[in-house]
Protein backbone atom coordinates (compact mmCIF):
# COMPACT_ATOMS: atom_id res chain seq x y z
CA LEU A 1 6.81 -8.87 17.76
CA PRO A 2 10.61 -8.49 17.74
CA ASN A 3 11.77 -6.16 15.00
CA SER A 4 14.96 -7.64 13.62
CA GLY A 5 14.59 -6.14 10.15
CA PRO A 6 14.10 -2.74 8.54
CA PRO A 7 11.66 -0.12 9.87
CA THR A 8 8.21 -1.70 10.04
CA LEU A 9 4.72 -0.33 9.50
CA TYR A 10 1.91 -2.40 11.06
CA THR A 11 -1.47 -1.88 9.41
CA TYR A 12 -4.24 -3.64 7.52
CA PRO A 13 -4.60 -3.68 3.70
CA GLU A 14 -6.00 -0.51 2.10
CA ASN A 15 -5.78 1.55 5.30
CA TRP A 16 -6.09 5.15 4.07
CA ARG A 17 -4.32 6.42 7.17
CA ALA A 18 -1.31 4.21 6.42
CA PHE A 19 -1.25 5.58 2.87
CA LYS A 20 0.05 8.89 4.27
CA ALA A 21 3.24 7.30 5.58
CA LEU A 22 3.68 5.09 2.51
CA ILE A 23 3.38 8.03 0.10
CA ALA A 24 5.76 10.14 2.23
CA ALA A 25 8.23 7.24 2.18
CA GLN A 26 8.01 7.14 -1.61
CA TYR A 27 9.21 10.75 -1.67
CA SER A 28 11.88 10.42 1.02
CA GLY A 29 13.22 7.04 -0.01
CA ALA A 30 12.61 5.67 3.49
CA ARG A 31 12.59 1.88 3.39
CA LEU A 32 9.51 0.46 5.09
CA ARG A 33 8.57 -3.15 5.67
CA VAL A 34 4.78 -3.32 5.71
CA LEU A 35 3.13 -6.06 7.78
CA SER A 36 -0.58 -6.08 7.01
CA SER A 37 -1.80 -9.65 6.66
CA PRO A 38 -1.38 -13.11 8.22
CA PRO A 39 0.83 -14.71 9.30
CA HIS A 40 2.83 -11.55 10.01
CA PHE A 41 -0.05 -9.34 11.12
CA SER A 42 -3.74 -10.05 11.70
CA PHE A 43 -5.83 -6.95 12.35
CA GLY A 44 -7.99 -7.32 15.46
CA HIS A 45 -5.71 -10.01 16.88
CA THR A 46 -2.04 -9.04 16.55
CA ASN A 47 -2.74 -5.45 17.60
CA ARG A 48 -4.52 -6.68 20.74
CA SER A 49 -1.70 -8.97 21.84
CA PRO A 50 0.35 -8.13 24.97
CA GLN A 51 3.52 -7.83 22.86
CA PHE A 52 1.93 -5.26 20.56
CA LEU A 53 0.24 -3.33 23.36
CA LYS A 54 3.54 -3.08 25.22
CA LYS A 55 4.91 -1.08 22.28
CA PHE A 56 1.66 0.61 21.22
CA PRO A 57 -0.63 0.89 24.27
CA LEU A 58 -3.76 1.90 22.33
CA GLY A 59 -3.45 -0.96 19.86
CA LYS A 60 -4.09 1.43 16.98
CA VAL A 61 -2.81 1.04 13.45
CA PRO A 62 -0.92 2.21 11.58
CA ALA A 63 1.91 1.82 14.04
CA PHE A 64 5.61 2.25 13.28
CA GLU A 65 8.65 0.54 14.76
CA GLY A 66 12.14 1.58 13.71
CA ASP A 67 15.08 -0.78 13.38
CA ASP A 68 16.49 0.96 16.47
CA GLY A 69 13.37 0.16 18.51
CA PHE A 70 11.80 3.61 18.21
CA CYS A 71 8.01 3.25 18.25
CA VAL A 72 5.37 5.78 17.25
CA PHE A 73 1.64 5.57 16.54
CA GLU A 74 -0.78 8.07 14.94
CA SER A 75 -0.58 8.26 11.16
CA ASN A 76 0.41 11.94 10.98
CA ALA A 77 3.34 11.38 13.34
CA ILE A 78 4.51 8.36 11.35
CA ALA A 79 4.25 10.25 8.05
CA TYR A 80 6.18 13.16 9.58
CA TYR A 81 8.91 10.84 10.84
CA VAL A 82 9.53 9.16 7.47
CA SER A 83 9.38 12.46 5.55
CA THR A 84 12.02 14.87 4.32
CA GLU A 85 12.47 18.46 5.43
CA GLU A 86 10.91 19.58 2.16
CA LEU A 87 7.77 17.55 2.82
CA ARG A 88 7.52 18.89 6.38
CA GLY A 89 8.13 22.52 5.35
CA SER A 90 11.69 23.87 5.09
CA THR A 91 10.97 27.23 6.78
CA PRO A 92 9.03 27.93 10.00
CA GLU A 93 6.29 29.55 7.92
CA ALA A 94 6.04 26.62 5.50
CA ALA A 95 6.09 24.11 8.37
CA ALA A 96 3.25 25.98 10.10
CA ALA A 97 1.24 26.04 6.86
CA VAL A 98 1.78 22.29 6.36
CA LEU A 99 0.66 21.61 9.94
CA GLN A 100 -2.39 23.81 9.38
CA TRP A 101 -3.59 21.71 6.43
CA VAL A 102 -2.74 18.40 8.12
CA ASN A 103 -4.91 19.44 11.09
CA PHE A 104 -7.57 20.78 8.71
CA ALA A 105 -7.77 17.33 7.11
CA ASP A 106 -8.33 15.62 10.46
CA SER A 107 -10.65 18.18 12.08
CA ASP A 108 -12.65 19.59 9.14
CA VAL A 109 -12.62 16.89 6.43
CA VAL A 110 -12.57 13.48 8.12
CA PRO A 111 -15.58 13.94 10.47
CA PRO A 112 -18.17 15.03 7.85
CA ALA A 113 -16.65 12.64 5.32
CA SER A 114 -17.12 9.78 7.79
CA THR A 115 -20.74 10.76 8.49
CA TRP A 116 -21.56 10.84 4.78
CA VAL A 117 -19.44 7.99 3.42
CA PHE A 118 -19.61 5.32 6.14
CA PRO A 119 -23.33 4.52 5.59
CA THR A 120 -22.59 3.94 1.88
CA LEU A 121 -20.02 1.36 2.94
CA GLY A 122 -22.43 -0.33 5.36
CA ILE A 123 -20.41 0.78 8.38
CA LEU A 124 -22.94 3.13 10.00
CA HIS A 125 -26.70 3.38 9.83
CA TYR A 126 -28.01 6.15 7.59
CA ASN A 127 -29.31 9.27 9.34
CA LYS A 128 -30.81 11.79 6.93
CA GLN A 129 -30.35 14.86 9.10
CA ALA A 130 -26.75 14.03 9.98
CA THR A 131 -25.93 13.23 6.34
CA GLU A 132 -27.40 16.52 5.06
CA VAL A 133 -25.39 18.46 7.65
CA ALA A 134 -22.27 16.53 6.62
CA LYS A 135 -22.85 17.34 2.94
CA GLU A 136 -23.00 21.05 3.74
CA GLU A 137 -19.81 20.79 5.78
CA VAL A 138 -18.09 19.02 2.89
CA ARG A 139 -19.25 21.81 0.55
CA LYS A 140 -17.79 24.33 2.97
CA VAL A 141 -14.36 22.68 3.24
CA LEU A 142 -14.20 22.11 -0.52
CA GLY A 143 -15.00 25.80 -1.01
CA VAL A 144 -12.16 26.81 1.31
CA LEU A 145 -9.78 24.50 -0.56
CA ASP A 146 -10.99 25.67 -3.95
CA GLY A 147 -10.32 29.30 -3.10
CA HIS A 148 -6.86 28.50 -1.79
CA LEU A 149 -5.98 26.45 -4.87
CA ARG A 150 -7.26 28.98 -7.39
CA THR A 151 -3.71 30.29 -7.93
CA ARG A 152 -1.72 27.32 -6.61
CA THR A 153 -0.69 23.92 -7.91
CA PHE A 154 -0.05 22.52 -4.43
CA LEU A 155 -1.21 23.57 -0.98
CA VAL A 156 2.13 24.87 0.36
CA GLY A 157 4.95 26.06 -1.88
CA GLU A 158 5.67 24.76 -5.36
CA ARG A 159 6.01 21.07 -4.58
CA VAL A 160 4.11 18.28 -2.87
CA SER A 161 4.22 18.42 0.93
CA LEU A 162 2.66 16.50 3.80
CA ALA A 163 -0.25 18.92 3.47
CA ASP A 164 -1.12 17.51 0.04
CA ILE A 165 -0.49 13.93 1.10
CA SER A 166 -2.72 14.18 4.19
CA LEU A 167 -5.58 15.95 2.44
CA VAL A 168 -5.58 13.64 -0.58
CA CYS A 169 -5.85 10.63 1.75
CA ALA A 170 -8.61 12.29 3.79
CA LEU A 171 -10.59 13.07 0.61
CA LEU A 172 -10.00 9.68 -0.99
CA TRP A 173 -13.22 7.96 0.13
CA LEU A 174 -15.28 11.06 -0.65
CA TYR A 175 -14.03 11.12 -4.25
CA LYS A 176 -14.44 7.37 -4.63
CA GLN A 177 -17.94 7.08 -3.11
CA VAL A 178 -20.02 10.25 -3.15
CA LEU A 179 -18.46 13.25 -4.91
CA ASP A 180 -20.18 12.70 -8.25
CA PRO A 181 -19.58 15.11 -11.18
CA ALA A 182 -22.52 17.33 -10.18
CA PHE A 183 -21.42 17.73 -6.57
CA ARG A 184 -17.74 18.27 -7.32
CA GLY A 185 -18.44 20.49 -10.35
CA PRO A 186 -18.23 23.85 -8.50
CA PHE A 187 -14.87 22.87 -7.00
CA GLY A 188 -12.80 22.46 -10.16
CA ASN A 189 -9.59 23.71 -8.56
CA VAL A 190 -9.80 21.04 -5.86
CA THR A 191 -10.41 18.26 -8.37
CA ARG A 192 -7.55 19.53 -10.58
CA TRP A 193 -5.20 19.51 -7.56
CA PHE A 194 -6.50 16.10 -6.41
CA LEU A 195 -5.87 14.53 -9.84
CA THR A 196 -2.46 16.24 -10.12
CA CYS A 197 -1.42 14.60 -6.86
CA LEU A 198 -2.85 11.21 -7.83
CA ASN A 199 -0.83 11.29 -11.05
CA GLN A 200 2.48 11.80 -9.26
CA PRO A 201 4.49 8.54 -9.43
CA GLN A 202 4.87 8.49 -5.64
CA PHE A 203 1.09 8.60 -5.13
CA LYS A 204 0.44 6.05 -7.89
CA ALA A 205 2.94 3.63 -6.38
CA VAL A 206 0.76 3.46 -3.26
CA LEU A 207 -2.78 4.22 -4.45
CA GLY A 208 -2.72 2.75 -7.95
CA GLU A 209 -5.46 3.97 -10.30
CA VAL A 210 -8.20 5.82 -8.39
CA GLN A 211 -11.59 5.92 -10.10
CA LEU A 212 -13.58 9.06 -9.31
CA CYS A 213 -17.22 8.55 -8.36
CA GLN A 214 -19.67 8.82 -11.28
CA ARG A 215 -22.84 8.15 -9.28
CA MET A 216 -23.32 9.16 -5.64
CA ALA A 217 -23.37 6.01 -3.49
CA GLN A 218 -26.32 5.53 -1.13
CA PHE A 219 -26.83 3.76 2.19
CA ASP A 220 -26.16 0.02 1.83
CA ALA A 221 -28.66 -1.63 4.18
CA LYS A 222 -27.49 -5.15 3.37
CA LYS A 223 -23.84 -4.39 4.13
CA PHE A 224 -24.87 -2.58 7.29
CA ALA A 225 -26.85 -5.60 8.52
CA GLU A 226 -23.90 -7.86 7.80
CA SER A 227 -21.42 -5.58 9.58
CA GLN A 228 -23.74 -5.26 12.58
CA ALA A 229 -24.08 -9.04 12.80
CA ARG A 230 -20.31 -9.38 12.62
CA LYS A 231 -19.82 -6.73 15.33
CA ASP A 232 -22.43 -8.30 17.62
CA LYS A 233 -20.83 -11.68 17.22
CA ASP A 234 -17.43 -10.26 18.11
CA LYS A 235 -18.79 -8.52 21.19
CA GLU A 236 -20.70 -11.50 22.62
CA PRO A 237 -19.32 -14.70 21.11
CA ALA A 238 -20.80 -16.96 23.80
CA LYS A 239 -24.47 -15.94 23.58
CA LYS A 240 -25.95 -14.83 20.31
CA GLY A 241 -28.89 -16.92 19.29
CA GLU A 242 -32.01 -14.84 19.84
CA LYS A 243 -32.96 -12.53 16.99
CA GLY A 244 -34.52 -10.07 19.39
CA GLU A 245 -31.18 -9.55 21.15
CA LYS A 246 -29.78 -7.70 18.17
CA GLU A 247 -32.47 -5.05 17.92
CA PRO A 248 -31.51 -2.70 20.80
CA PRO A 249 -27.92 -2.10 19.62
CA LYS A 250 -29.21 -1.23 16.13
CA LYS A 251 -31.70 1.28 17.49
CA GLU A 252 -28.99 3.02 19.49
CA LYS A 253 -27.03 3.92 16.38
CA PRO A 254 -29.00 6.90 14.94
CA PRO A 255 -29.00 9.01 18.16
CA ARG A 256 -25.22 8.56 18.41
CA LYS A 257 -24.82 9.85 14.88
CA GLU A 258 -26.75 13.03 15.74
CA GLU A 259 -24.15 14.01 18.28
CA LYS A 260 -21.53 16.58 17.49
CA ARG A 261 -18.51 16.29 15.31
CA PRO A 262 -16.19 14.14 17.51
CA GLN A 263 -18.56 11.16 17.18
CA PRO A 264 -17.68 10.14 13.56
CA GLU A 265 -14.02 10.20 14.55
CA GLU A 266 -14.79 7.69 17.30
CA GLU A 267 -16.43 5.41 14.75
CA LEU A 268 -13.21 5.07 12.77
CA ASP A 269 -12.34 1.86 14.62
CA GLU A 270 -15.54 0.35 13.23
CA CYS A 271 -14.53 1.54 9.79
CA GLU A 272 -11.21 -0.23 10.21
CA GLN A 273 -12.93 -3.46 11.23
CA VAL A 274 -15.24 -3.49 8.21
CA LEU A 275 -12.59 -2.50 5.69
CA ALA A 276 -10.10 -4.97 7.11
CA ALA A 277 -12.68 -7.76 6.92
CA GLU A 278 -13.28 -7.20 3.19
CA PRO A 279 -10.20 -7.92 1.09
CA LYS A 280 -9.79 -5.58 -1.86
CA ALA A 281 -9.23 -6.76 -5.39
CA LYS A 282 -7.38 -3.70 -6.64
CA ASP A 283 -4.92 -4.44 -9.39
CA PRO A 284 -1.60 -2.83 -8.35
CA PHE A 285 -0.66 -2.55 -12.04
CA ALA A 286 -3.94 -1.02 -13.21
CA HIS A 287 -2.33 2.40 -13.68
CA LEU A 288 0.11 1.09 -16.30
CA PRO A 289 -0.70 1.21 -20.03
CA LYS A 290 -1.13 -2.05 -21.92
CA SER A 291 2.08 -3.72 -23.05
CA PRO A 292 2.65 -5.78 -26.21
CA PHE A 293 4.99 -8.10 -24.27
CA VAL A 294 3.02 -11.16 -23.12
CA LEU A 295 4.91 -12.69 -20.22
CA ASP A 296 2.96 -15.95 -20.31
CA GLU A 297 4.09 -16.60 -23.89
CA PHE A 298 7.72 -16.29 -22.82
CA LYS A 299 7.11 -18.51 -19.79
CA ARG A 300 5.67 -21.22 -22.04
CA LYS A 301 8.71 -21.02 -24.31
CA TYR A 302 11.03 -21.12 -21.29
CA SER A 303 9.26 -24.13 -19.76
CA ASN A 304 8.74 -26.23 -22.87
CA GLU A 305 11.48 -25.37 -25.37
CA ASP A 306 15.23 -24.89 -25.49
CA THR A 307 16.32 -21.84 -23.51
CA LEU A 308 19.28 -20.77 -25.67
CA SER A 309 17.85 -21.33 -29.13
CA VAL A 310 14.14 -20.55 -28.54
CA ALA A 311 13.22 -18.90 -25.22
CA LEU A 312 15.95 -16.25 -25.09
CA PRO A 313 15.54 -15.11 -28.74
CA HIS A 314 11.79 -14.89 -28.13
CA PHE A 315 12.38 -12.83 -24.97
CA TRP A 316 14.62 -10.24 -26.64
CA GLU A 317 12.45 -10.04 -29.75
CA HIS A 318 9.29 -9.22 -27.80
CA PHE A 319 10.59 -7.53 -24.63
CA ASP A 320 8.88 -4.15 -24.12
CA ARG A 321 11.41 -1.70 -22.63
CA GLU A 322 8.71 0.86 -21.87
CA GLY A 323 6.30 -1.45 -20.09
CA TRP A 324 8.76 -3.78 -18.34
CA SER A 325 12.09 -3.55 -16.55
CA LEU A 326 15.00 -5.84 -15.63
CA TRP A 327 16.62 -5.95 -12.20
CA TYR A 328 19.66 -7.59 -10.64
CA CYS A 329 19.43 -8.46 -6.95
CA GLN A 330 21.87 -9.67 -4.31
CA TYR A 331 21.12 -10.98 -0.84
CA ARG A 332 22.40 -8.43 1.68
CA TYR A 333 23.51 -10.83 4.41
CA PRO A 334 25.58 -13.66 2.87
CA GLU A 335 27.49 -14.05 6.14
CA GLU A 336 24.24 -15.29 7.73
CA LEU A 337 23.80 -18.09 5.18
CA SER A 338 24.76 -21.45 6.63
CA GLN A 339 23.40 -24.73 5.23
CA THR A 340 22.61 -24.56 1.51
CA PHE A 341 19.23 -26.25 1.97
CA MET A 342 18.26 -23.46 4.39
CA SER A 343 19.37 -20.87 1.86
CA CYS A 344 17.18 -22.52 -0.77
CA ASN A 345 14.25 -22.41 1.65
CA LEU A 346 14.88 -18.67 1.98
CA ILE A 347 14.41 -18.23 -1.78
CA THR A 348 11.38 -20.54 -1.91
CA GLY A 349 9.72 -18.74 0.98
CA MET A 350 10.05 -15.41 -0.78
CA PHE A 351 8.56 -16.86 -3.96
CA GLN A 352 5.59 -18.28 -2.06
CA ARG A 353 4.81 -14.94 -0.44
CA LEU A 354 4.87 -13.29 -3.87
CA ASP A 355 2.41 -15.72 -5.41
CA LYS A 356 0.02 -12.98 -6.62
CA LEU A 357 2.87 -11.26 -8.45
CA ARG A 358 3.45 -14.16 -10.83
CA LYS A 359 1.42 -12.73 -13.72
CA ASN A 360 3.57 -9.62 -13.71
CA ALA A 361 7.06 -10.94 -12.94
CA PHE A 362 9.56 -13.64 -13.78
CA ALA A 363 12.83 -14.37 -12.02
CA SER A 364 15.76 -16.70 -11.81
CA VAL A 365 17.43 -16.61 -8.39
CA VAL A 366 20.60 -18.65 -7.88
CA LEU A 367 22.46 -19.97 -4.85
CA PHE A 368 26.23 -20.00 -5.31
CA GLY A 369 28.92 -21.71 -3.23
CA LYS A 370 28.59 -24.30 -0.48
CA ASP A 371 27.65 -24.65 3.19
CA HIS A 372 28.87 -21.66 5.24
CA ASP A 373 30.31 -20.00 2.12
CA SER A 374 27.50 -19.05 -0.20
CA SER A 375 25.65 -16.14 -1.75
CA ILE A 376 22.30 -15.51 -3.41
CA SER A 377 21.65 -13.33 -6.44
CA GLY A 378 19.24 -13.22 -9.33
CA VAL A 379 17.68 -11.48 -12.33
CA TRP A 380 14.05 -10.31 -12.29
CA VAL A 381 11.70 -9.22 -15.07
CA MET A 382 8.98 -6.90 -13.71
CA ARG A 383 5.98 -5.00 -15.02
CA GLY A 384 6.58 -1.25 -15.00
CA GLN A 385 9.73 0.78 -14.45
CA GLU A 386 9.86 0.62 -10.65
CA LEU A 387 10.31 -2.26 -8.24
CA ALA A 388 6.94 -3.99 -8.24
CA PHE A 389 7.25 -4.91 -4.55
CA THR A 390 6.42 -1.33 -3.56
CA LEU A 391 2.98 -1.55 -5.19
CA CYS A 392 1.49 -3.89 -2.62
CA PRO A 393 2.20 -4.05 1.13
CA ASP A 394 1.93 -7.85 1.09
CA TRP A 395 4.87 -8.08 -1.34
CA GLN A 396 7.29 -6.12 0.84
CA VAL A 397 8.16 -8.76 3.41
CA ASP A 398 11.39 -10.03 1.82
CA TYR A 399 12.63 -7.60 -0.79
CA GLU A 400 14.37 -5.32 1.72
CA SER A 401 16.81 -8.17 2.39
CA TYR A 402 18.22 -7.69 -1.12
CA THR A 403 20.02 -4.90 -2.91
CA TRP A 404 18.43 -4.01 -6.25
CA ARG A 405 20.01 -2.58 -9.37
CA LYS A 406 18.08 -1.72 -12.51
CA LEU A 407 19.62 -3.13 -15.69
CA ASP A 408 19.88 -1.44 -19.07
CA PRO A 409 18.31 -3.88 -21.56
CA ASP A 410 20.64 -2.63 -24.31
CA SER A 411 23.86 -3.20 -22.37
CA ALA A 412 26.18 -6.16 -22.88
CA GLU A 413 26.20 -6.72 -19.12
CA CYS A 414 22.42 -7.13 -19.07
CA ARG A 415 22.47 -9.59 -21.97
CA THR A 416 25.12 -11.65 -20.22
CA LEU A 417 23.30 -11.68 -16.87
CA VAL A 418 19.98 -12.64 -18.46
CA THR A 419 21.59 -15.43 -20.46
CA GLU A 420 23.57 -16.88 -17.54
CA TYR A 421 20.82 -16.65 -14.94
CA PHE A 422 18.06 -17.91 -17.23
CA MET A 423 20.21 -20.84 -18.39
CA TRP A 424 22.00 -21.50 -15.06
CA GLU A 425 25.18 -21.77 -17.10
CA GLY A 426 28.14 -19.49 -17.66
CA GLU A 427 31.13 -17.93 -15.96
CA PHE A 428 29.22 -15.78 -13.44
CA ARG A 429 32.34 -13.64 -13.12
CA HIS A 430 30.68 -11.13 -10.80
CA VAL A 431 29.95 -13.82 -8.17
CA GLY A 432 33.26 -15.53 -7.47
CA LYS A 433 31.60 -18.75 -6.32
CA PRO A 434 30.50 -21.84 -8.28
CA PHE A 435 26.85 -22.39 -9.23
CA ASN A 436 25.05 -24.54 -6.67
CA GLN A 437 21.37 -24.52 -7.64
CA GLY A 438 18.69 -22.17 -8.92
CA LYS A 439 15.02 -21.38 -8.41
CA ILE A 440 12.62 -19.97 -11.01
CA PHE A 441 9.73 -17.66 -10.17
CA LYS A 442 7.18 -17.97 -12.97
């Protein structure tokens, strides 16, 4: 796992622990490359390889590797490292208060939340006594938070800090699965704070639109049976044919859940395995309002009719400046470009890895020059006002290799760039090299 690129975060999709670092990076501007899916990272395989374990001996994710080789695991440490002084607490008192709430999240929120929520996800067997105790502990911690937030917008100071980021992530599954309106009703200050944080652009960029629970989820026996079968198969791949062999491990589960608080924390690895095995279908653009600009209509015009006389007029007539944005990009390392066919493969590879972005983006990326003297640049149309790549870890593999500049749709420069790049014709004065060939992402 050589790290020849920007700072890298290894994780699996939808890992709530990794969210802490990703949200902190949104505030600090830290550039993170996220490797969370094959072929770059396969949870349960990559993190058990000798190369990974040499850097991260426990094999835990998230794990962070800097471009200078600095390695650190544990989500709180990673979030701290990519944060700003303001997020960490700019005075000794503020820093201590932030650390207090970060530890509170891990020691007082995560264990009872795991005991209560994991059975609803089919990760652990349901134990009534343990669940009732967990519910009371959740009530207790929510009461503590509610009292603290009665006169505060955020946990420490007047702005978001790592305290807010850590606690929101720790409470995420509770609010999504079991904190129905009746249960969360007495803790209005907590819910107000929780929604305030979720509505910050930096949180939305990572979490998207979070739907609060309307009906308390219950134990999912079917999912539990499936996850147990999957776990048993992983543990003993050579011999698993007799039905009776699976009964003893199942019966061992409830007594383990009755143990004291550290036990749910130990089960988090099982949570990771189940969540990583079930791909999520969250729409990264779900938090954006509907837009009147229909990208597919423009794509049809661009593909089937004349670009200058039909497609471009249609684009500018219908382009929604509020719901969409235009970006100019340049490849950062032109000195590394050698053969032009290899440079084209670079563009094509990026497009292939962004396949699920096609409904919300369009681009024309052009190779200029010749062998050993070339450059790559392009114009992108994207849903929203921020770079769409940040909305999904799987889209972040390549974009760090480019510089990005947002274009003003009303400027003459933007009109010229759009016309030249969409038509593959023009002076391209800003480039200084002749047009070689182009690629369209649509």
